C-alpha atoms as a PDB file:
ATOM      1  CA  MET A   1     107.493 -12.898 246.761  1.00  0.00           C
ATOM      2  CA  ALA A   2     109.566 -14.928 244.310  1.00  0.00           C
ATOM      3  CA  THR A   3     113.104 -13.853 243.663  1.00  0.00           C
ATOM      4  CA  GLN A   4     114.446 -13.648 240.172  1.00  0.00           C
ATOM      5  CA  THR A   5     117.690 -15.255 239.158  1.00  0.00           C
ATOM      6  CA  PRO A   6     120.284 -12.754 237.923  1.00  0.00           C
ATOM      7  CA  GLU A   7     120.972 -13.187 234.217  1.00  0.00           C
ATOM      8  CA  ALA A   8     124.608 -13.999 235.000  1.00  0.00           C
ATOM      9  CA  ASP A   9     123.408 -17.222 236.663  1.00  0.00           C
ATOM     10  CA  ILE A  10     121.503 -18.400 233.582  1.00  0.00           C
ATOM     11  CA  PRO A  11     123.600 -20.901 231.628  1.00  0.00           C
ATOM     12  CA  ALA A  12     124.234 -20.255 227.954  1.00  0.00           C
ATOM     13  CA  PRO A  13     122.064 -22.369 225.679  1.00  0.00           C
ATOM     14  CA  SER A  14     123.769 -25.583 224.688  1.00  0.00           C
ATOM     15  CA  GLN A  15     124.160 -26.793 221.130  1.00  0.00           C
ATOM     16  CA  PRO A  16     121.324 -29.023 219.975  1.00  0.00           C
ATOM     17  CA  GLN A  17     122.065 -32.650 220.684  1.00  0.00           C
ATOM     18  CA  THR A  18     122.605 -34.622 217.499  1.00  0.00           C
ATOM     19  CA  VAL A  19     123.355 -38.197 216.504  1.00  0.00           C
ATOM     20  CA  ARG A  20     124.982 -39.185 213.210  1.00  0.00           C
ATOM     21  CA  ILE A  21     123.833 -42.527 211.797  1.00  0.00           C
ATOM     22  CA  THR A  22     125.606 -44.305 208.947  1.00  0.00           C
ATOM     23  CA  LEU A  23     123.083 -46.304 206.957  1.00  0.00           C
ATOM     24  CA  THR A  24     123.560 -50.020 206.323  1.00  0.00           C
ATOM     25  CA  THR A  25     121.978 -49.531 202.905  1.00  0.00           C
ATOM     26  CA  PRO A  26     122.291 -46.002 201.496  1.00  0.00           C
ATOM     27  CA  ILE A  27     119.194 -44.154 200.301  1.00  0.00           C
ATOM     28  CA  GLN A  28     119.100 -43.409 196.574  1.00  0.00           C
ATOM     29  CA  ARG A  29     117.333 -40.167 195.586  1.00  0.00           C
ATOM     30  CA  GLY A  30     117.592 -39.517 191.903  1.00  0.00           C
ATOM     31  CA  GLU A  31     121.310 -39.257 191.217  1.00  0.00           C
ATOM     32  CA  SER A  32     122.146 -38.568 194.879  1.00  0.00           C
ATOM     33  CA  THR A  33     123.103 -41.223 197.381  1.00  0.00           C
ATOM     34  CA  ILE A  34     122.598 -40.601 201.102  1.00  0.00           C
ATOM     35  CA  TYR A  35     125.030 -42.566 203.264  1.00  0.00           C
ATOM     36  CA  GLU A  36     124.307 -40.997 206.629  1.00  0.00           C
ATOM     37  CA  ILE A  37     121.584 -39.100 208.426  1.00  0.00           C
ATOM     38  CA  VAL A  38     121.936 -36.683 211.329  1.00  0.00           C
ATOM     39  CA  LEU A  39     119.122 -36.673 213.870  1.00  0.00           C
ATOM     40  CA  ARG A  40     118.566 -33.636 216.073  1.00  0.00           C
ATOM     41  CA  LYS A  41     116.931 -33.813 219.481  1.00  0.00           C
ATOM     42  CA  PRO A  42     113.316 -32.762 218.910  1.00  0.00           C
ATOM     43  CA  LYS A  43     111.894 -29.618 220.408  1.00  0.00           C
ATOM     44  CA  ALA A  44     108.395 -29.520 221.881  1.00  0.00           C
ATOM     45  CA  GLY A  45     106.787 -28.294 218.648  1.00  0.00           C
ATOM     46  CA  GLU A  46     108.190 -31.252 216.731  1.00  0.00           C
ATOM     47  CA  LEU A  47     106.429 -33.594 219.151  1.00  0.00           C
ATOM     48  CA  ARG A  48     103.047 -32.048 218.350  1.00  0.00           C
ATOM     49  CA  SER A  49     100.287 -34.587 217.671  1.00  0.00           C
ATOM     50  CA  LEU A  50     102.471 -37.387 219.075  1.00  0.00           C
ATOM     51  CA  LYS A  51     102.029 -39.230 222.350  1.00  0.00           C
ATOM     52  CA  VAL A  52     105.109 -38.906 224.531  1.00  0.00           C
ATOM     53  CA  GLU A  53     104.889 -42.570 225.548  1.00  0.00           C
ATOM     54  CA  ASP A  54     104.859 -43.566 221.847  1.00  0.00           C
ATOM     55  CA  VAL A  55     107.960 -41.449 221.245  1.00  0.00           C
ATOM     56  CA  PHE A  56     109.765 -42.984 224.219  1.00  0.00           C
ATOM     57  CA  THR A  57     108.754 -46.538 223.308  1.00  0.00           C
ATOM     58  CA  THR A  58     109.764 -45.745 219.706  1.00  0.00           C
ATOM     59  CA  ASP A  59     106.477 -46.806 218.156  1.00  0.00           C
ATOM     60  CA  VAL A  60     107.134 -47.344 214.437  1.00  0.00           C
ATOM     61  CA  ASN A  61     104.165 -45.218 213.306  1.00  0.00           C
ATOM     62  CA  THR A  62     105.404 -42.422 215.561  1.00  0.00           C
ATOM     63  CA  LEU A  63     108.888 -42.685 214.020  1.00  0.00           C
ATOM     64  CA  PHE A  64     107.334 -42.228 210.565  1.00  0.00           C
ATOM     65  CA  VAL A  65     105.950 -38.879 211.769  1.00  0.00           C
ATOM     66  CA  LEU A  66     108.901 -37.741 213.892  1.00  0.00           C
ATOM     67  CA  LEU A  67     111.929 -38.668 211.772  1.00  0.00           C
ATOM     68  CA  PRO A  68     111.148 -36.277 208.879  1.00  0.00           C
ATOM     69  CA  ARG A  69     110.886 -33.452 211.441  1.00  0.00           C
ATOM     70  CA  ILE A  70     114.322 -34.042 212.990  1.00  0.00           C
ATOM     71  CA  SER A  71     116.487 -35.552 210.229  1.00  0.00           C
ATOM     72  CA  MET A  72     119.103 -33.945 208.014  1.00  0.00           C
ATOM     73  CA  PRO A  73     118.840 -34.486 205.144  1.00  0.00           C
ATOM     74  CA  THR A  74     115.109 -34.765 205.674  1.00  0.00           C
ATOM     75  CA  LEU A  75     113.886 -38.330 205.481  1.00  0.00           C
ATOM     76  CA  LEU A  76     110.815 -38.839 203.338  1.00  0.00           C
ATOM     77  CA  GLU A  77     108.105 -41.343 204.248  1.00  0.00           C
ATOM     78  CA  LYS A  78     109.188 -43.595 201.361  1.00  0.00           C
ATOM     79  CA  ASP A  79     112.792 -43.434 202.635  1.00  0.00           C
ATOM     80  CA  ILE A  80     111.693 -44.614 206.087  1.00  0.00           C
ATOM     81  CA  ALA A  81     109.491 -47.356 204.602  1.00  0.00           C
ATOM     82  CA  ASN A  82     112.482 -48.703 202.661  1.00  0.00           C
ATOM     83  CA  LEU A  83     115.028 -48.582 205.500  1.00  0.00           C
ATOM     84  CA  GLU A  84     116.757 -51.775 206.536  1.00  0.00           C
ATOM     85  CA  SER A  85     115.316 -52.919 209.860  1.00  0.00           C
ATOM     86  CA  GLU A  86     118.666 -52.461 211.625  1.00  0.00           C
ATOM     87  CA  ASP A  87     118.794 -48.827 210.426  1.00  0.00           C
ATOM     88  CA  LEU A  88     115.268 -48.201 211.717  1.00  0.00           C
ATOM     89  CA  LEU A  89     116.264 -49.723 215.065  1.00  0.00           C
ATOM     90  CA  GLU A  90     119.316 -47.463 215.200  1.00  0.00           C
ATOM     91  CA  PHE A  91     117.101 -44.424 214.575  1.00  0.00           C
ATOM     92  CA  ALA A  92     114.724 -45.667 217.284  1.00  0.00           C
ATOM     93  CA  GLY A  93     117.595 -46.021 219.759  1.00  0.00           C
ATOM     94  CA  ALA A  94     118.852 -42.521 218.975  1.00  0.00           C
ATOM     95  CA  VAL A  95     115.379 -41.037 219.493  1.00  0.00           C
ATOM     96  CA  LYS A  96     114.986 -42.864 222.799  1.00  0.00           C
ATOM     97  CA  GLY A  97     118.462 -41.686 223.834  1.00  0.00           C
ATOM     98  CA  PHE A  98     117.434 -38.057 223.418  1.00  0.00           C
ATOM     99  CA  PHE A  99     115.017 -38.489 226.324  1.00  0.00           C
ATOM    100  CA  MET A 100     117.190 -40.490 228.717  1.00  0.00           C
ATOM    101  CA  PRO A 101     118.398 -38.733 231.856  1.00  0.00           C
ATOM    102  CA  ALA A 102     122.184 -38.380 232.185  1.00  0.00           C
ATOM    103  CA  ALA A 103     122.363 -41.069 234.897  1.00  0.00           C
ATOM    104  CA  MET A 104     120.606 -43.583 232.644  1.00  0.00           C
ATOM    105  CA  LYS A 105     122.929 -42.738 229.728  1.00  0.00           C
ATOM    106  CA  ALA A 106     125.940 -43.256 232.014  1.00  0.00           C
ATOM    107  CA  ALA A 107     124.591 -46.639 233.166  1.00  0.00           C
ATOM    108  CA  VAL A 108     124.005 -47.750 229.569  1.00  0.00           C
ATOM    109  CA  ALA A 109     127.519 -46.629 228.628  1.00  0.00           C
ATOM    110  CA  ARG A 110     129.005 -48.581 231.555  1.00  0.00           C
ATOM    111  CA  MET A 111     127.074 -51.694 230.535  1.00  0.00           C
ATOM    112  CA  ALA A 112     128.354 -51.286 226.973  1.00  0.00           C
ATOM    113  CA  GLY A 113     131.918 -50.860 228.235  1.00  0.00           C
ATOM    114  CA  ALA A 114     132.261 -47.259 227.060  1.00  0.00           C
ATOM    115  CA  SER A 115     134.007 -44.696 229.208  1.00  0.00           C
ATOM    116  CA  ASP A 116     132.311 -41.561 227.803  1.00  0.00           C
ATOM    117  CA  PRO A 117     128.469 -41.578 227.787  1.00  0.00           C
ATOM    118  CA  ALA A 118     128.204 -38.422 225.680  1.00  0.00           C
END
C-alpha cells in the first residue's frame, strides 16, 4: 500500500521561470515600440503539437509556434520573421535554458564565469 505525503511536506509552487530579453532592433507595432520581451517557461499545454526534441534543439519552425505562446507582449509571426538573427538566437537560448537541469545550468554559468546560475 502506497503512503501519501502529508500536505505539509509538499513545497509551495514556485513562481514561473521567466527570462527578459532586450531586443537588438525594437519591434514597431503601429505607434508602439517594443524594446524587450519576457519569455515564460512553457507548461505542457503550450508544448502541444510540438516535438520535444525540436523544442530542445530550438528548431526555428518550432520557435515560430512556441514563442507566441510564451512571450509577453505576445510575439506575432511577422514579429518573429523580422527579428534580427542574434535576437532569435537569444530567444532560442532562453527556451533551451528552461529545460536544462540545475547541474547543467551551473556548469554553463561556471564556463561563462558567472557566480550565480539563476
